[in-house]
Protein backbone atom coordinates (compact mmCIF):
# COMPACT_ATOMS: atom_id res chain seq x y z
CA MET A 1 -50.34 -49.87 -57.15
CA MET A 2 -52.61 -47.02 -58.23
CA GLU A 3 -51.72 -44.58 -55.42
CA SER A 4 -48.68 -43.40 -57.39
CA THR A 5 -50.64 -42.86 -60.61
CA ILE A 6 -51.95 -39.64 -62.16
CA ALA A 7 -54.59 -39.59 -64.89
CA VAL A 8 -54.59 -36.89 -67.55
CA ILE A 9 -57.85 -36.59 -69.50
CA LEU A 10 -57.53 -34.71 -72.78
CA GLY A 11 -60.35 -32.26 -73.43
CA GLY A 12 -59.97 -32.32 -77.20
CA GLY A 13 -59.97 -29.62 -79.84
CA ALA A 14 -62.76 -27.95 -81.77
CA GLY A 15 -64.68 -31.20 -82.31
CA SER A 16 -65.76 -30.17 -85.80
CA ARG A 17 -67.11 -33.65 -86.64
CA LEU A 18 -69.57 -33.35 -83.73
CA PHE A 19 -70.83 -29.92 -84.82
CA PRO A 20 -73.37 -28.47 -83.96
CA LEU A 21 -73.25 -30.29 -80.59
CA THR A 22 -69.82 -28.69 -80.10
CA LYS A 23 -70.87 -25.22 -81.23
CA ASN A 24 -71.05 -23.97 -77.64
CA ARG A 25 -69.24 -26.69 -75.69
CA SER A 26 -66.21 -28.97 -75.87
CA LYS A 27 -66.60 -32.64 -76.82
CA PRO A 28 -66.21 -34.00 -73.27
CA ALA A 29 -69.03 -31.70 -72.11
CA VAL A 30 -71.57 -33.11 -74.61
CA PRO A 31 -74.52 -34.70 -72.73
CA VAL A 32 -74.93 -38.46 -73.07
CA GLY A 33 -77.46 -40.98 -71.78
CA GLY A 34 -79.99 -38.38 -70.68
CA LYS A 35 -78.18 -37.13 -67.57
CA TYR A 36 -74.40 -37.57 -67.96
CA ARG A 37 -71.56 -35.82 -69.78
CA LEU A 38 -68.94 -37.65 -71.85
CA VAL A 39 -66.18 -36.61 -69.44
CA ASP A 40 -67.98 -38.52 -66.66
CA ILE A 41 -66.99 -41.79 -68.38
CA PRO A 42 -63.17 -41.66 -68.00
CA ILE A 43 -63.41 -39.97 -64.59
CA SER A 44 -65.74 -42.72 -63.35
CA ASN A 45 -63.40 -45.38 -64.77
CA CYS A 46 -60.56 -43.75 -62.84
CA LEU A 47 -62.47 -43.65 -59.55
CA HIS A 48 -63.55 -47.29 -59.88
CA SER A 49 -59.88 -48.14 -60.61
CA GLU A 50 -58.66 -46.35 -57.45
CA ILE A 51 -57.07 -43.47 -59.36
CA ARG A 52 -57.77 -40.36 -57.30
CA GLN A 53 -55.40 -37.81 -58.85
CA ILE A 54 -56.98 -36.61 -62.08
CA TYR A 55 -56.30 -33.63 -64.33
CA VAL A 56 -58.62 -32.58 -67.16
CA LEU A 57 -56.87 -30.55 -69.87
CA THR A 58 -59.19 -28.03 -71.52
CA GLN A 59 -58.92 -25.38 -74.18
CA PHE A 60 -61.75 -25.05 -76.69
CA ASN A 61 -65.25 -23.96 -75.57
CA SER A 62 -64.33 -25.10 -72.09
CA ALA A 63 -66.66 -23.06 -69.84
CA SER A 64 -69.42 -25.67 -69.51
CA LEU A 65 -66.89 -28.49 -69.04
CA ASN A 66 -65.05 -26.54 -66.34
CA GLN A 67 -68.32 -25.78 -64.57
CA HIS A 68 -69.47 -29.41 -64.71
CA VAL A 69 -66.21 -30.79 -63.32
CA LYS A 70 -66.05 -28.13 -60.59
CA ASN A 71 -69.63 -28.78 -59.45
CA THR A 72 -69.45 -32.58 -59.63
CA PHE A 73 -66.23 -34.11 -58.33
CA HIS A 74 -65.20 -33.35 -54.74
CA PHE A 75 -63.09 -35.21 -52.22
CA ASP A 76 -62.94 -34.87 -48.44
CA PRO A 77 -60.28 -32.49 -47.07
CA PHE A 78 -58.22 -35.36 -45.65
CA SER A 79 -57.84 -37.07 -49.02
CA ARG A 80 -55.10 -36.52 -51.58
CA GLY A 81 -57.67 -36.99 -54.30
CA PHE A 82 -58.67 -34.30 -56.78
CA VAL A 83 -60.18 -33.72 -60.20
CA ASP A 84 -58.66 -30.46 -61.38
CA ILE A 85 -58.94 -28.46 -64.59
CA LEU A 86 -55.76 -27.42 -66.39
CA ALA A 87 -56.82 -24.79 -68.90
CA ALA A 88 -54.52 -23.61 -71.68
CA GLU A 89 -52.53 -20.61 -70.50
CA GLN A 90 -49.68 -18.36 -71.55
CA THR A 91 -46.44 -18.92 -69.64
CA PRO A 92 -42.86 -17.60 -69.89
CA SER A 93 -41.94 -20.72 -71.84
CA SER A 94 -44.99 -20.84 -74.13
CA HIS A 95 -47.32 -18.22 -75.57
CA GLN A 96 -49.34 -20.62 -77.71
CA TRP A 97 -52.53 -22.61 -77.29
CA TYR A 98 -52.16 -26.37 -77.08
CA GLN A 99 -51.09 -27.50 -80.55
CA GLY A 100 -52.00 -31.16 -80.07
CA THR A 101 -52.36 -33.88 -77.46
CA ALA A 102 -48.64 -34.26 -76.78
CA ASP A 103 -48.10 -30.51 -76.75
CA ALA A 104 -50.90 -30.12 -74.20
CA VAL A 105 -49.16 -32.57 -71.86
CA ARG A 106 -45.78 -30.92 -72.52
CA GLN A 107 -47.13 -27.49 -71.56
CA THR A 108 -48.71 -28.77 -68.35
CA PHE A 109 -46.07 -31.28 -67.29
CA ARG A 110 -44.81 -28.99 -64.52
CA TYR A 111 -48.04 -29.69 -62.64
CA LEU A 112 -47.52 -33.44 -62.97
CA GLN A 113 -44.02 -33.08 -61.53
CA ASN A 114 -45.50 -31.69 -58.30
CA HIS A 115 -46.78 -35.15 -57.37
CA ARG A 116 -44.95 -38.28 -56.27
CA ALA A 117 -46.29 -40.28 -59.17
CA ASP A 118 -44.28 -42.70 -61.26
CA LYS A 119 -47.03 -43.60 -63.78
CA ILE A 120 -49.12 -41.33 -65.99
CA PHE A 121 -52.39 -42.45 -67.60
CA ILE A 122 -53.30 -40.50 -70.74
CA LEU A 123 -57.02 -40.75 -71.51
CA SER A 124 -59.48 -39.29 -73.99
CA GLY A 125 -62.53 -37.36 -72.85
CA ASP A 126 -64.85 -38.45 -75.67
CA GLN A 127 -65.06 -42.24 -75.57
CA LEU A 128 -67.71 -44.62 -74.23
CA TYR A 129 -66.39 -47.69 -72.41
CA GLN A 130 -66.05 -49.28 -68.96
CA MET A 131 -62.52 -50.40 -68.16
CA ASP A 132 -60.74 -51.43 -64.98
CA TYR A 133 -57.45 -49.58 -65.39
CA ARG A 134 -55.92 -51.69 -62.62
CA LYS A 135 -55.77 -54.66 -64.99
CA MET A 136 -53.99 -52.58 -67.60
CA MET A 137 -51.55 -51.30 -64.95
CA LYS A 138 -50.87 -54.86 -63.78
CA ALA A 139 -50.03 -55.88 -67.35
CA HIS A 140 -47.79 -52.80 -67.71
CA ASP A 141 -45.81 -53.76 -64.61
CA GLU A 142 -45.60 -57.47 -65.50
CA ASN A 143 -44.22 -56.58 -68.93
CA ASN A 144 -41.73 -54.18 -67.33
CA ALA A 145 -42.92 -51.80 -70.05
CA GLU A 146 -42.02 -48.16 -70.44
CA LEU A 147 -45.24 -47.49 -72.33
CA THR A 148 -48.42 -49.56 -72.63
CA ILE A 149 -51.04 -48.81 -75.26
CA GLY A 150 -54.64 -49.90 -74.89
CA THR A 151 -55.63 -51.74 -78.07
CA ILE A 152 -58.84 -53.24 -79.36
CA PRO A 153 -59.28 -55.80 -82.18
CA VAL A 154 -61.02 -54.40 -85.28
CA ASN A 155 -61.86 -55.69 -88.75
CA ALA A 156 -60.26 -54.50 -91.97
CA HIS A 157 -62.96 -51.94 -92.73
CA ASP A 158 -62.70 -50.26 -89.32
CA ALA A 159 -58.89 -50.48 -89.28
CA THR A 160 -58.62 -47.76 -91.91
CA GLY A 161 -59.85 -45.21 -89.36
CA PHE A 162 -57.35 -46.00 -86.60
CA GLY A 163 -53.68 -46.27 -85.83
CA ILE A 164 -52.87 -49.98 -86.28
CA LEU A 165 -50.21 -51.75 -84.21
CA LYS A 166 -48.27 -54.93 -84.92
CA THR A 167 -47.18 -57.06 -81.95
CA ASP A 168 -44.70 -59.86 -81.51
CA ASP A 169 -45.41 -63.19 -79.81
CA HIS A 170 -44.92 -61.60 -76.38
CA GLY A 171 -47.40 -58.77 -76.91
CA MET A 172 -44.72 -56.12 -77.43
CA ILE A 173 -45.42 -53.61 -80.20
CA GLU A 174 -43.00 -53.79 -83.12
CA SER A 175 -44.48 -51.32 -85.59
CA PHE A 176 -47.26 -48.79 -86.12
CA ILE A 177 -49.16 -47.39 -89.09
CA GLU A 178 -51.63 -44.49 -88.93
CA LYS A 179 -54.99 -44.98 -90.72
CA PRO A 180 -53.79 -47.44 -93.37
CA THR A 181 -55.61 -48.12 -96.62
CA LEU A 182 -57.07 -51.58 -97.21
CA GLU A 183 -54.15 -52.32 -99.53
CA GLN A 184 -51.65 -51.48 -96.77
CA LEU A 185 -53.18 -53.86 -94.21
CA ASP A 186 -51.56 -56.99 -95.62
CA GLY A 187 -49.21 -58.38 -92.99
CA TRP A 188 -50.52 -56.22 -90.14
CA GLU A 189 -52.54 -59.00 -88.48
CA SER A 190 -51.84 -59.68 -84.79
CA GLU A 191 -52.60 -62.57 -82.49
CA VAL A 192 -56.08 -62.08 -80.99
CA PRO A 193 -58.57 -64.32 -79.11
CA ASP A 194 -60.38 -66.93 -81.21
CA GLU A 195 -63.70 -65.11 -80.70
CA MET A 196 -62.23 -62.00 -82.32
CA LYS A 197 -60.70 -64.03 -85.17
CA ALA A 198 -64.11 -65.52 -85.97
CA GLN A 199 -65.42 -61.97 -86.43
CA GLY A 200 -62.51 -60.98 -88.67
CA LYS A 201 -61.13 -58.66 -86.00
CA VAL A 202 -57.45 -59.44 -86.40
CA TYR A 203 -56.00 -55.91 -86.44
CA LEU A 204 -55.07 -54.12 -83.22
CA ALA A 205 -56.26 -50.50 -83.15
CA SER A 206 -54.98 -47.96 -80.67
CA MET A 207 -57.71 -46.81 -78.29
CA GLY A 208 -55.88 -43.60 -77.42
CA ILE A 209 -55.37 -44.91 -73.87
CA TYR A 210 -51.75 -44.92 -72.68
CA ILE A 211 -49.73 -45.69 -69.56
CA PHE A 212 -46.35 -43.97 -69.51
CA ASN A 213 -43.64 -44.31 -66.95
CA LYS A 214 -43.28 -40.71 -65.82
CA GLU A 215 -39.61 -40.46 -66.83
CA THR A 216 -40.37 -42.04 -70.21
CA LEU A 217 -43.09 -39.49 -70.93
CA TRP A 218 -40.85 -36.60 -69.89
CA ASN A 219 -38.03 -37.77 -72.15
CA LEU A 220 -40.29 -38.37 -75.16
CA ILE A 221 -42.02 -35.00 -75.14
CA ASN A 222 -38.83 -33.05 -74.45
CA ASP A 223 -36.48 -34.94 -76.76
CA ASN A 224 -39.00 -34.42 -79.57
CA PRO A 225 -40.09 -30.78 -79.15
CA GLU A 226 -41.55 -30.71 -82.67
CA ALA A 227 -43.90 -33.64 -81.91
CA LEU A 228 -47.39 -32.30 -81.20
CA ASP A 229 -49.59 -35.40 -81.15
CA PHE A 230 -49.34 -38.74 -79.35
CA GLY A 231 -50.90 -40.92 -82.04
CA ARG A 232 -49.17 -39.45 -85.07
CA GLU A 233 -45.74 -38.65 -83.61
CA ILE A 234 -44.90 -39.63 -80.01
CA ILE A 235 -46.06 -43.26 -80.22
CA PRO A 236 -44.24 -44.00 -83.54
CA LYS A 237 -41.07 -42.43 -82.11
CA ALA A 238 -41.30 -44.57 -78.97
CA ILE A 239 -41.68 -47.72 -81.07
CA SER A 240 -38.94 -46.84 -83.55
CA SER A 241 -36.50 -46.05 -80.72
CA ARG A 242 -36.87 -49.63 -79.44
CA MET A 243 -38.48 -48.69 -76.15
CA LYS A 244 -40.41 -51.43 -74.36
CA VAL A 245 -43.87 -50.65 -75.71
CA ALA A 246 -46.55 -53.18 -74.77
CA SER A 247 -50.06 -53.79 -76.07
CA TYR A 248 -52.92 -54.24 -73.62
CA LYS A 249 -55.62 -56.05 -75.56
CA TYR A 250 -59.08 -54.95 -74.48
CA THR A 251 -62.02 -56.98 -75.76
CA GLY A 252 -64.91 -55.22 -74.04
CA TYR A 253 -67.22 -52.55 -75.45
CA TRP A 254 -65.51 -49.36 -76.59
CA THR A 255 -66.58 -46.68 -79.03
CA ASP A 256 -65.09 -43.36 -80.03
CA ILE A 257 -67.74 -40.60 -79.99
CA GLY A 258 -66.20 -38.75 -82.91
CA THR A 259 -69.14 -38.09 -85.25
CA ILE A 260 -72.83 -37.25 -85.06
CA ARG A 261 -73.71 -40.75 -86.31
CA SER A 262 -71.52 -42.52 -83.72
CA PHE A 263 -72.94 -40.30 -80.98
CA TYR A 264 -76.51 -41.01 -82.11
CA ASP A 265 -76.01 -44.77 -82.41
CA ALA A 266 -74.17 -45.11 -79.08
CA ASN A 267 -76.88 -43.19 -77.23
CA LEU A 268 -79.82 -45.13 -78.63
CA GLU A 269 -78.06 -48.42 -77.91
CA LEU A 270 -78.18 -47.50 -74.21
CA ALA A 271 -81.95 -47.99 -74.39
CA ASP A 272 -81.69 -51.56 -75.70
CA PRO A 273 -82.72 -54.42 -73.37
CA LEU A 274 -79.11 -55.63 -73.01
CA PRO A 275 -76.83 -52.79 -74.12
CA GLN A 276 -73.11 -53.41 -74.43
CA PHE A 277 -72.47 -50.33 -72.27
CA ASP A 278 -74.40 -51.18 -69.11
CA LEU A 279 -75.46 -48.19 -67.02
CA TYR A 280 -76.85 -50.59 -64.42
CA ALA A 281 -73.74 -52.74 -63.91
CA THR A 282 -72.85 -53.25 -60.25
CA GLY A 283 -69.59 -51.52 -59.39
CA LYS A 284 -69.43 -49.64 -62.68
CA ARG A 285 -71.96 -46.86 -62.22
CA ILE A 286 -71.26 -43.53 -63.87
CA PHE A 287 -70.73 -40.63 -61.48
CA THR A 288 -72.20 -37.29 -62.48
CA ARG A 289 -73.57 -34.11 -60.96
CA PRO A 290 -76.42 -34.83 -58.47
CA ARG A 291 -79.18 -32.37 -59.34
CA LEU A 292 -81.83 -33.38 -56.78
CA LEU A 293 -84.60 -33.12 -59.36
CA PRO A 294 -88.18 -34.28 -58.75
CA PRO A 295 -89.43 -37.53 -60.30
CA THR A 296 -90.61 -37.56 -63.90
CA LYS A 297 -94.35 -37.14 -64.48
CA MET A 298 -96.02 -38.86 -67.44
CA TYR A 299 -99.63 -38.59 -68.60
CA GLY A 300 -101.16 -41.12 -71.02
CA THR A 301 -97.82 -41.81 -72.75
CA GLU A 302 -97.01 -45.14 -74.35
CA THR A 303 -93.28 -45.85 -74.03
CA ASP A 304 -91.00 -48.61 -75.27
CA ARG A 305 -87.18 -49.11 -75.29
CA SER A 306 -86.52 -45.64 -73.93
CA LEU A 307 -84.54 -43.97 -71.15
CA ILE A 308 -86.38 -41.17 -69.34
CA ALA A 309 -84.23 -39.01 -67.06
CA GLU A 310 -85.51 -37.36 -63.90
CA GLY A 311 -87.42 -34.10 -63.64
CA CYS A 312 -89.42 -34.47 -66.88
CA ILE A 313 -93.04 -33.49 -67.51
CA ILE A 314 -94.34 -35.62 -70.37
CA GLU A 315 -97.78 -35.66 -72.00
CA ALA A 316 -96.64 -37.22 -75.27
CA LYS A 317 -98.75 -39.76 -77.13
CA SER A 318 -95.82 -42.15 -77.51
CA ILE A 319 -92.05 -42.40 -77.05
CA PHE A 320 -90.23 -45.22 -78.85
CA HIS A 321 -86.51 -46.11 -78.68
CA SER A 322 -85.44 -42.67 -77.51
CA ILE A 323 -83.41 -40.89 -74.84
CA ILE A 324 -85.25 -38.15 -72.92
CA GLY A 325 -82.92 -35.91 -70.88
CA ILE A 326 -83.39 -34.05 -67.62
CA ARG A 327 -86.18 -31.47 -67.23
CA SER A 328 -87.63 -32.33 -70.65
CA ARG A 329 -91.12 -31.09 -71.44
CA ILE A 330 -93.17 -32.79 -74.16
CA GLY A 331 -96.70 -31.61 -74.99
CA PRO A 332 -99.87 -33.65 -75.61
CA ASN A 333 -100.28 -35.84 -78.71
CA SER A 334 -96.62 -35.63 -79.69
CA VAL A 335 -94.74 -38.67 -81.00
CA ILE A 336 -91.02 -39.19 -80.36
CA ARG A 337 -89.26 -42.00 -82.26
CA GLU A 338 -85.57 -42.96 -82.37
CA SER A 339 -84.53 -39.55 -81.10
CA ILE A 340 -82.36 -38.00 -78.43
CA MET A 341 -83.73 -35.11 -76.38
CA MET A 342 -81.07 -33.61 -74.12
CA GLY A 343 -83.49 -31.70 -71.92
CA ASN A 344 -83.31 -28.27 -70.33
CA ASP A 345 -81.16 -26.35 -67.90
CA PHE A 346 -84.28 -24.65 -66.50
CA TYR A 347 -88.01 -25.28 -66.42
CA PRO A 348 -90.16 -22.96 -68.51
CA SER A 349 -92.10 -20.56 -66.31
CA LEU A 350 -95.90 -20.66 -66.08
CA GLU A 351 -95.98 -17.34 -67.91
CA GLU A 352 -93.87 -18.78 -70.72
CA LEU A 353 -96.18 -21.78 -71.03
CA SER A 354 -99.37 -19.70 -70.97
CA GLU A 355 -98.26 -17.14 -73.55
CA SER A 356 -99.14 -18.11 -77.11
CA ASN A 357 -96.24 -16.93 -79.23
CA PRO A 358 -95.57 -18.97 -82.41
CA ASP A 359 -92.26 -17.15 -82.92
CA MET A 360 -90.95 -17.96 -79.42
CA PRO A 361 -92.38 -21.27 -78.18
CA ALA A 362 -91.65 -22.51 -74.66
CA ARG A 363 -88.61 -24.68 -73.98
CA GLY A 364 -89.25 -28.28 -74.92
CA ILE A 365 -91.52 -29.89 -77.49
CA GLY A 366 -95.02 -28.55 -78.07
CA GLU A 367 -98.32 -30.24 -78.87
CA GLY A 368 -99.01 -32.50 -81.83
CA CYS A 369 -95.40 -32.84 -82.94
CA HIS A 370 -93.74 -35.77 -84.71
CA ILE A 371 -89.99 -36.08 -83.99
CA GLU A 372 -88.09 -38.96 -85.61
CA ARG A 373 -84.37 -39.66 -86.10
CA ALA A 374 -83.38 -36.36 -84.51
CA ILE A 375 -81.17 -34.94 -81.77
CA ILE A 376 -82.76 -32.09 -79.82
CA ASP A 377 -80.04 -30.22 -77.96
CA LYS A 378 -80.51 -28.49 -74.62
CA ASN A 379 -83.01 -25.65 -74.15
CA ALA A 380 -84.35 -26.00 -77.68
CA ARG A 381 -87.83 -24.57 -78.32
CA ILE A 382 -90.06 -26.57 -80.66
CA GLY A 383 -93.51 -25.16 -81.32
CA ASN A 384 -96.82 -26.96 -81.83
CA ASN A 385 -97.46 -29.23 -84.83
CA VAL A 386 -93.80 -29.43 -85.87
CA LYS A 387 -92.74 -32.41 -87.98
CA ILE A 388 -89.08 -33.46 -88.02
CA VAL A 389 -88.27 -36.74 -89.77
CA GLY A 390 -84.63 -37.55 -90.40
CA GLY A 391 -83.39 -40.15 -92.83
CA ASP A 392 -80.71 -41.01 -95.36
CA HIS A 393 -82.76 -39.27 -98.05
CA LEU A 394 -81.86 -35.89 -96.53
CA GLU A 395 -78.79 -34.00 -97.72
CA ASN A 396 -76.32 -32.57 -95.24
CA THR A 397 -77.15 -28.95 -94.56
CA ARG A 398 -76.63 -26.23 -91.95
CA ASN A 399 -79.29 -23.68 -91.01
CA GLU A 400 -79.61 -21.04 -88.32
CA ASN A 401 -81.31 -23.31 -85.77
CA TYR A 402 -80.67 -26.84 -87.02
CA SER A 403 -78.34 -28.97 -89.10
CA ILE A 404 -78.72 -32.25 -90.97
CA VAL A 405 -75.75 -34.59 -90.61
CA ASP A 406 -75.74 -38.13 -92.04
CA GLY A 407 -79.53 -38.10 -92.20
CA ILE A 408 -79.93 -37.03 -88.56
CA VAL A 409 -81.63 -33.70 -87.85
CA VAL A 410 -79.80 -31.87 -85.04
CA VAL A 411 -81.66 -28.94 -83.46
CA GLU A 412 -79.03 -26.70 -81.87
CA LYS A 413 -78.78 -25.72 -78.24
CA ASN A 414 -81.27 -22.85 -77.67
CA GLY A 415 -82.51 -23.41 -81.23
CA ILE A 416 -86.03 -22.32 -82.18
CA ILE A 417 -88.28 -24.35 -84.47
CA ARG A 418 -91.46 -22.37 -85.06
CA GLU A 419 -94.99 -23.73 -85.00
CA GLY A 420 -95.99 -25.80 -88.03
CA THR A 421 -92.43 -26.23 -89.37
CA VAL A 422 -91.73 -29.36 -91.44
CA ILE A 423 -88.16 -30.70 -91.79
């Protein structure tokens, strides 16, 4: 069933709502969970679902994403499997960058035609969820659908941020409205499980996960050359043209990593005793680049509700409800609370650690620091006795080495916070 399926993972645009995490990388390349990248999520879902032909479409700040995919996902030479990058390029038929999700697929469709596939999965590279795509494909085939849209029940408040779909009694989509106001939601309720009804989740939101019959996708993007985006244009046109468009109702955990706050909350939830996104679930593990790092060393550190990745050297006083990424270094008597530390690409040298330079501290967090409600991006240098305490009392701001977004202090990749700084 899945052998004749190709997955296309969309790399996304500038990711302005995730700035400064997307200052030097694309959204799918943003680290998550201490050791993974966001793009690992849909690729792992594909591999667990027996989809072995995967394209990742990239354009903006794509170097780190390209490098990660190239160094991570390999198949044996006797397999037809691949995870390939399709970067935006100039061709005789197009001299423009990708103008939207549908335009990206339109410009790269010639590569999809080279394979004997009759189904195309369109996936996003910046969502956190664990889905067996085989179940969605089974529903697609049983409905004899031309297009199936993954949907998730949401309440009225959340519905205003999504495309909302209305289904008939057979689960076929009749109409679509993009990001409706609360006043527009009247009459847009759909049939959902009783558990969802009890929570007020009676509106079906598009997850941005689609199965197209290959011919259907080709006709839609070519018959509508002005349509640039799937959610805003292609999907409404498919519904209005009376195609067989089905809803696949997913009731598991799913979140769109679209903002700094959603990224922060989703990461810290991974450290909960029973997180909704389970990194330890049998048969659902997340594949990522194997780095062969040494074990983490910890000295006199009290820890609680935290994930500590491999290769760290930690002398902190305490770490509470935090994510500590690979190769992190935390000095003595430092306190880390409700924070995300993405780690380092390299260990600081002995010379770097021994030199006392308040203007250029070593990579990692120094001695006697207090870090709370913060995101410390990769290779950041935080000197001794630095105090960073985020909170809703802080106004949004952007500085040379850090930003404050929704009360969360984000120290940029390679950012420098000098000794004694208070934020």
